[in-house]
C-alpha atoms as a PDB file:
ATOM      1  CA  MET A   1     -22.026  -8.252   2.851  1.00  0.00           C
ATOM      2  CA  LEU A   2     -23.242  -6.503   6.006  1.00  0.00           C
ATOM      3  CA  ARG A   3     -19.685  -6.495   7.286  1.00  0.00           C
ATOM      4  CA  ASP A   4     -18.411  -4.848   4.094  1.00  0.00           C
ATOM      5  CA  ASP A   5     -21.297  -2.363   4.108  1.00  0.00           C
ATOM      6  CA  LEU A   6     -20.560  -1.371   7.719  1.00  0.00           C
ATOM      7  CA  ARG A   7     -16.858  -0.977   6.967  1.00  0.00           C
ATOM      8  CA  ARG A   8     -17.603   1.137   3.893  1.00  0.00           C
ATOM      9  CA  ALA A   9     -20.112   3.304   5.800  1.00  0.00           C
ATOM     10  CA  LEU A  10     -17.584   4.013   8.548  1.00  0.00           C
ATOM     11  CA  LEU A  11     -14.799   4.778   6.091  1.00  0.00           C
ATOM     12  CA  ASP A  12     -17.087   7.123   4.162  1.00  0.00           C
ATOM     13  CA  SER A  13     -18.423   8.918   7.230  1.00  0.00           C
ATOM     14  CA  ILE A  14     -15.251   9.282   9.324  1.00  0.00           C
ATOM     15  CA  GLN A  15     -12.661  11.574   7.828  1.00  0.00           C
ATOM     16  CA  ILE A  16      -9.083  10.878   8.875  1.00  0.00           C
ATOM     17  CA  GLU A  17      -6.366  12.979   7.325  1.00  0.00           C
ATOM     18  CA  LEU A  18      -3.214  10.981   6.739  1.00  0.00           C
ATOM     19  CA  PRO A  19       0.273  12.390   6.138  1.00  0.00           C
ATOM     20  CA  ASN A  20       0.313  10.933   2.630  1.00  0.00           C
ATOM     21  CA  GLU A  21       3.733  12.090   1.463  1.00  0.00           C
ATOM     22  CA  PHE A  22       5.351  10.985   4.719  1.00  0.00           C
ATOM     23  CA  LEU A  23       3.659   7.578   4.492  1.00  0.00           C
ATOM     24  CA  LYS A  24       4.754   7.091   0.885  1.00  0.00           C
ATOM     25  CA  THR A  25       8.347   7.886   1.847  1.00  0.00           C
ATOM     26  CA  TRP A  26       8.090   5.612   4.881  1.00  0.00           C
ATOM     27  CA  LEU A  27       6.749   2.754   2.723  1.00  0.00           C
ATOM     28  CA  LEU A  28       9.618   3.159   0.278  1.00  0.00           C
ATOM     29  CA  ASP A  29      12.272   3.328   3.015  1.00  0.00           C
ATOM     30  CA  SER A  30      10.877   0.548   5.197  1.00  0.00           C
ATOM     31  CA  ASN A  31      10.587  -1.893   2.298  1.00  0.00           C
ATOM     32  CA  GLU A  32      14.263  -1.417   1.357  1.00  0.00           C
ATOM     33  CA  GLY A  33      14.082  -1.931  -2.381  1.00  0.00           C
ATOM     34  CA  LYS A  34      11.349  -4.587  -2.299  1.00  0.00           C
ATOM     35  CA  ILE A  35       8.832  -2.127  -3.698  1.00  0.00           C
ATOM     36  CA  SER A  36       9.260   0.710  -6.177  1.00  0.00           C
ATOM     37  CA  GLN A  37       7.933   4.258  -5.995  1.00  0.00           C
ATOM     38  CA  GLU A  38       5.619   3.411  -8.901  1.00  0.00           C
ATOM     39  CA  GLU A  39       4.169   0.432  -7.019  1.00  0.00           C
ATOM     40  CA  ILE A  40       3.623   2.611  -3.971  1.00  0.00           C
ATOM     41  CA  GLU A  41       1.799   5.202  -6.057  1.00  0.00           C
ATOM     42  CA  GLN A  42      -0.295   2.480  -7.687  1.00  0.00           C
ATOM     43  CA  ASP A  43      -1.253   0.768  -4.397  1.00  0.00           C
ATOM     44  CA  TYR A  44      -1.267   3.738  -2.021  1.00  0.00           C
ATOM     45  CA  ASP A  45      -5.023   4.361  -2.023  1.00  0.00           C
ATOM     46  CA  LYS A  46      -5.672   0.788  -0.864  1.00  0.00           C
ATOM     47  CA  PHE A  47      -2.947   1.087   1.782  1.00  0.00           C
ATOM     48  CA  ALA A  48      -4.387   4.391   3.026  1.00  0.00           C
ATOM     49  CA  GLU A  49      -7.902   2.954   3.193  1.00  0.00           C
ATOM     50  CA  ASP A  50      -6.657  -0.082   5.124  1.00  0.00           C
ATOM     51  CA  LEU A  51      -4.758   2.187   7.513  1.00  0.00           C
ATOM     52  CA  ARG A  52      -7.829   4.354   8.067  1.00  0.00           C
ATOM     53  CA  TRP A  53      -9.905   1.216   8.708  1.00  0.00           C
ATOM     54  CA  THR A  54      -7.310  -0.032  11.220  1.00  0.00           C
ATOM     55  CA  LEU A  55      -7.431   3.299  13.061  1.00  0.00           C
ATOM     56  CA  ILE A  56     -11.246   3.247  13.154  1.00  0.00           C
ATOM     57  CA  ARG A  57     -11.367  -0.408  14.198  1.00  0.00           C
ATOM     58  CA  ASN A  58      -8.823   0.134  16.971  1.00  0.00           C
ATOM     59  CA  ARG A  59     -10.702   3.174  18.270  1.00  0.00           C
ATOM     60  CA  VAL A  60     -13.964   1.201  18.407  1.00  0.00           C
ATOM     61  CA  ALA A  61     -12.124  -1.604  20.212  1.00  0.00           C
ATOM     62  CA  GLU A  62     -10.606   0.814  22.701  1.00  0.00           C
ATOM     63  CA  ASP A  63     -13.890   2.611  23.383  1.00  0.00           C
ATOM     64  CA  ALA A  64     -15.772  -0.681  23.824  1.00  0.00           C
ATOM     65  CA  ASP A  65     -12.936  -2.351  25.749  1.00  0.00           C
ATOM     66  CA  VAL A  66     -12.810  -5.224  23.249  1.00  0.00           C
ATOM     67  CA  LYS A  67     -10.654  -8.089  24.446  1.00  0.00           C
ATOM     68  CA  VAL A  68      -9.588 -11.331  22.802  1.00  0.00           C
ATOM     69  CA  GLU A  69      -9.057 -14.402  24.957  1.00  0.00           C
ATOM     70  CA  TYR A  70      -6.848 -17.318  23.980  1.00  0.00           C
ATOM     71  CA  ALA A  71      -9.911 -19.590  24.183  1.00  0.00           C
ATOM     72  CA  GLU A  72     -11.560 -17.558  21.390  1.00  0.00           C
ATOM     73  CA  VAL A  73      -8.476 -17.844  19.193  1.00  0.00           C
ATOM     74  CA  LEU A  74      -8.278 -21.578  19.860  1.00  0.00           C
ATOM     75  CA  GLU A  75     -11.978 -22.073  19.049  1.00  0.00           C
ATOM     76  CA  ARG A  76     -11.574 -20.112  15.791  1.00  0.00           C
ATOM     77  CA  THR A  77      -8.630 -22.343  14.912  1.00  0.00           C
ATOM     78  CA  ARG A  78     -10.612 -25.478  15.785  1.00  0.00           C
ATOM     79  CA  ASP A  79     -13.331 -24.248  13.402  1.00  0.00           C
ATOM     80  CA  MET A  80     -10.715 -23.824  10.689  1.00  0.00           C
ATOM     81  CA  VAL A  81      -9.366 -27.342  11.297  1.00  0.00           C
ATOM     82  CA  ARG A  82     -12.880 -28.826  11.369  1.00  0.00           C
ATOM     83  CA  GLY A  83     -13.502 -27.145   8.021  1.00  0.00           C
ATOM     84  CA  GLN A  84     -10.332 -28.662   6.598  1.00  0.00           C
ATOM     85  CA  PHE A  85     -11.476 -32.083   7.816  1.00  0.00           C
ATOM     86  CA  GLY A  86     -14.884 -31.530   6.236  1.00  0.00           C
ATOM     87  CA  PHE A  87     -16.872 -30.995   9.430  1.00  0.00           C
ATOM     88  CA  ALA A  88     -19.377 -28.164   9.790  1.00  0.00           C
ATOM     89  CA  GLY A  89     -19.905 -26.020  12.884  1.00  0.00           C
ATOM     90  CA  ASN A  90     -19.115 -27.721  16.179  1.00  0.00           C
ATOM     91  CA  GLU A  91     -19.553 -31.221  14.835  1.00  0.00           C
ATOM     92  CA  GLY A  92     -16.267 -32.991  14.919  1.00  0.00           C
ATOM     93  CA  GLY A  93     -16.932 -36.674  15.049  1.00  0.00           C
ATOM     94  CA  ASP A  94     -16.192 -38.819  18.064  1.00  0.00           C
ATOM     95  CA  ASP A  95     -13.993 -37.938  21.039  1.00  0.00           C
ATOM     96  CA  SER A  96     -10.836 -39.241  19.380  1.00  0.00           C
ATOM     97  CA  MET A  97     -11.491 -37.005  16.361  1.00  0.00           C
ATOM     98  CA  LYS A  98     -12.081 -34.031  18.670  1.00  0.00           C
ATOM     99  CA  ASP A  99      -8.720 -34.783  20.311  1.00  0.00           C
ATOM    100  CA  VAL A 100      -7.059 -34.814  16.885  1.00  0.00           C
ATOM    101  CA  ILE A 101      -8.719 -31.493  16.009  1.00  0.00           C
ATOM    102  CA  ASP A 102      -7.512 -30.007  19.305  1.00  0.00           C
ATOM    103  CA  ARG A 103      -3.945 -31.223  18.762  1.00  0.00           C
ATOM    104  CA  VAL A 104      -3.858 -29.898  15.209  1.00  0.00           C
ATOM    105  CA  ALA A 105      -5.318 -26.531  16.282  1.00  0.00           C
ATOM    106  CA  VAL A 106      -2.885 -26.099  19.184  1.00  0.00           C
ATOM    107  CA  GLY A 107       0.026 -27.185  16.989  1.00  0.00           C
ATOM    108  CA  TYR A 108      -1.009 -24.703  14.312  1.00  0.00           C
ATOM    109  CA  LEU A 109      -1.141 -21.830  16.801  1.00  0.00           C
ATOM    110  CA  ASN A 110       2.148 -22.786  18.480  1.00  0.00           C
ATOM    111  CA  ASP A 111       4.149 -23.463  15.291  1.00  0.00           C
ATOM    112  CA  LYS A 112       7.443 -21.688  16.007  1.00  0.00           C
ATOM    113  CA  THR A 113       8.316 -21.617  12.306  1.00  0.00           C
ATOM    114  CA  LYS A 114       5.092 -19.725  11.513  1.00  0.00           C
ATOM    115  CA  PRO A 115       4.353 -17.256  14.321  1.00  0.00           C
ATOM    116  CA  GLU A 116       1.986 -15.459  11.950  1.00  0.00           C
ATOM    117  CA  ASN A 117      -0.483 -18.346  12.409  1.00  0.00           C
ATOM    118  CA  PHE A 118      -1.402 -17.144  15.891  1.00  0.00           C
ATOM    119  CA  THR A 119      -1.302 -13.491  14.866  1.00  0.00           C
ATOM    120  CA  ASN A 120      -3.613 -14.069  11.899  1.00  0.00           C
ATOM    121  CA  GLN A 121      -6.149 -16.020  13.958  1.00  0.00           C
ATOM    122  CA  PHE A 122      -5.973 -13.428  16.760  1.00  0.00           C
ATOM    123  CA  ASN A 123      -6.590 -10.610  14.265  1.00  0.00           C
ATOM    124  CA  ARG A 124      -9.600 -12.410  12.776  1.00  0.00           C
ATOM    125  CA  VAL A 125     -11.173 -12.855  16.217  1.00  0.00           C
ATOM    126  CA  TYR A 126     -10.327  -9.249  17.139  1.00  0.00           C
ATOM    127  CA  THR A 127     -11.947  -7.913  13.968  1.00  0.00           C
ATOM    128  CA  ASP A 128     -15.008 -10.127  14.479  1.00  0.00           C
ATOM    129  CA  ASN A 129     -15.378  -8.844  18.050  1.00  0.00           C
ATOM    130  CA  VAL A 130     -15.091  -5.239  16.870  1.00  0.00           C
ATOM    131  CA  MET A 131     -17.621  -5.867  14.103  1.00  0.00           C
ATOM    132  CA  ASP A 132     -20.022  -7.295  16.704  1.00  0.00           C
ATOM    133  CA  VAL A 133     -19.772  -3.993  18.608  1.00  0.00           C
ATOM    134  CA  ILE A 134     -20.341  -1.996  15.419  1.00  0.00           C
ATOM    135  CA  ARG A 135     -23.335  -4.172  14.439  1.00  0.00           C
ATOM    136  CA  GLU A 136     -24.908  -3.582  17.859  1.00  0.00           C
ATOM    137  CA  LYS A 137     -24.595   0.189  17.464  1.00  0.00           C
ATOM    138  CA  ALA A 138     -25.322   0.584  13.758  1.00  0.00           C
ATOM    139  CA  PRO A 139     -28.836   1.090  12.499  1.00  0.00           C
ATOM    140  CA  VAL A 140     -29.479  -1.734  10.064  1.00  0.00           C
ATOM    141  CA  VAL A 141     -32.062  -1.258   7.349  1.00  0.00           C
ATOM    142  CA  THR A 142     -33.415  -4.490   5.932  1.00  0.00           C
ATOM    143  CA  GLN A 143     -34.564  -4.477   2.352  1.00  0.00           C
ATOM    144  CA  ALA A 144     -36.076  -7.186   0.197  1.00  0.00           C
ATOM    145  CA  ILE A 145     -34.298  -7.869  -3.081  1.00  0.00           C
ATOM    146  CA  ASP A 146     -34.623 -10.568  -5.684  1.00  0.00           C
ATOM    147  CA  ALA A 147     -32.026 -13.285  -6.201  1.00  0.00           C
ATOM    148  CA  GLU A 148     -30.473 -11.615  -9.256  1.00  0.00           C
ATOM    149  CA  SER A 149     -29.952  -8.323  -7.405  1.00  0.00           C
ATOM    150  CA  PHE A 150     -28.448 -10.180  -4.449  1.00  0.00           C
ATOM    151  CA  LYS A 151     -26.081 -12.078  -6.730  1.00  0.00           C
ATOM    152  CA  ALA A 152     -25.003  -8.850  -8.456  1.00  0.00           C
ATOM    153  CA  LYS A 153     -24.390  -7.128  -5.109  1.00  0.00           C
ATOM    154  CA  ALA A 154     -22.415 -10.101  -3.798  1.00  0.00           C
ATOM    155  CA  GLU A 155     -20.223 -10.115  -6.909  1.00  0.00           C
ATOM    156  CA  GLN A 156     -19.574  -6.365  -6.543  1.00  0.00           C
ATOM    157  CA  GLY A 157     -17.863  -6.792  -3.391  1.00  0.00           C
END
């Protein structure tokens, strides 16, 4: 929830004017009949918000010189594989199981038929690293709430 709150606070406080009509035309042209003008109109606000967030996130990354190393991407992928095998955190069974986890993680990242695997994991690590920078700089106000209020807030979004 903190992550979503920080994202929302930045989006609300940083005004970025987008060339909306140009972007709508670009979306229509670049998707070559896969999406209609009506769908663009319906989904444009979400697209524009995501674009604004990407611009903000990239600026924070640039200003803070955020880097992503392959080792971070591999460790994130190992975590994903451990989760699929039912392991929590860094636990991963014996050495032979750790070798299996490593092979699966490396294979997942290097799958030539799914290059988006590496890109998706890289982007998750990149966003996490940027959010770490934002968390360090953002004033965080802690407030006590009861379980029902927490549940309602979590369900909101």
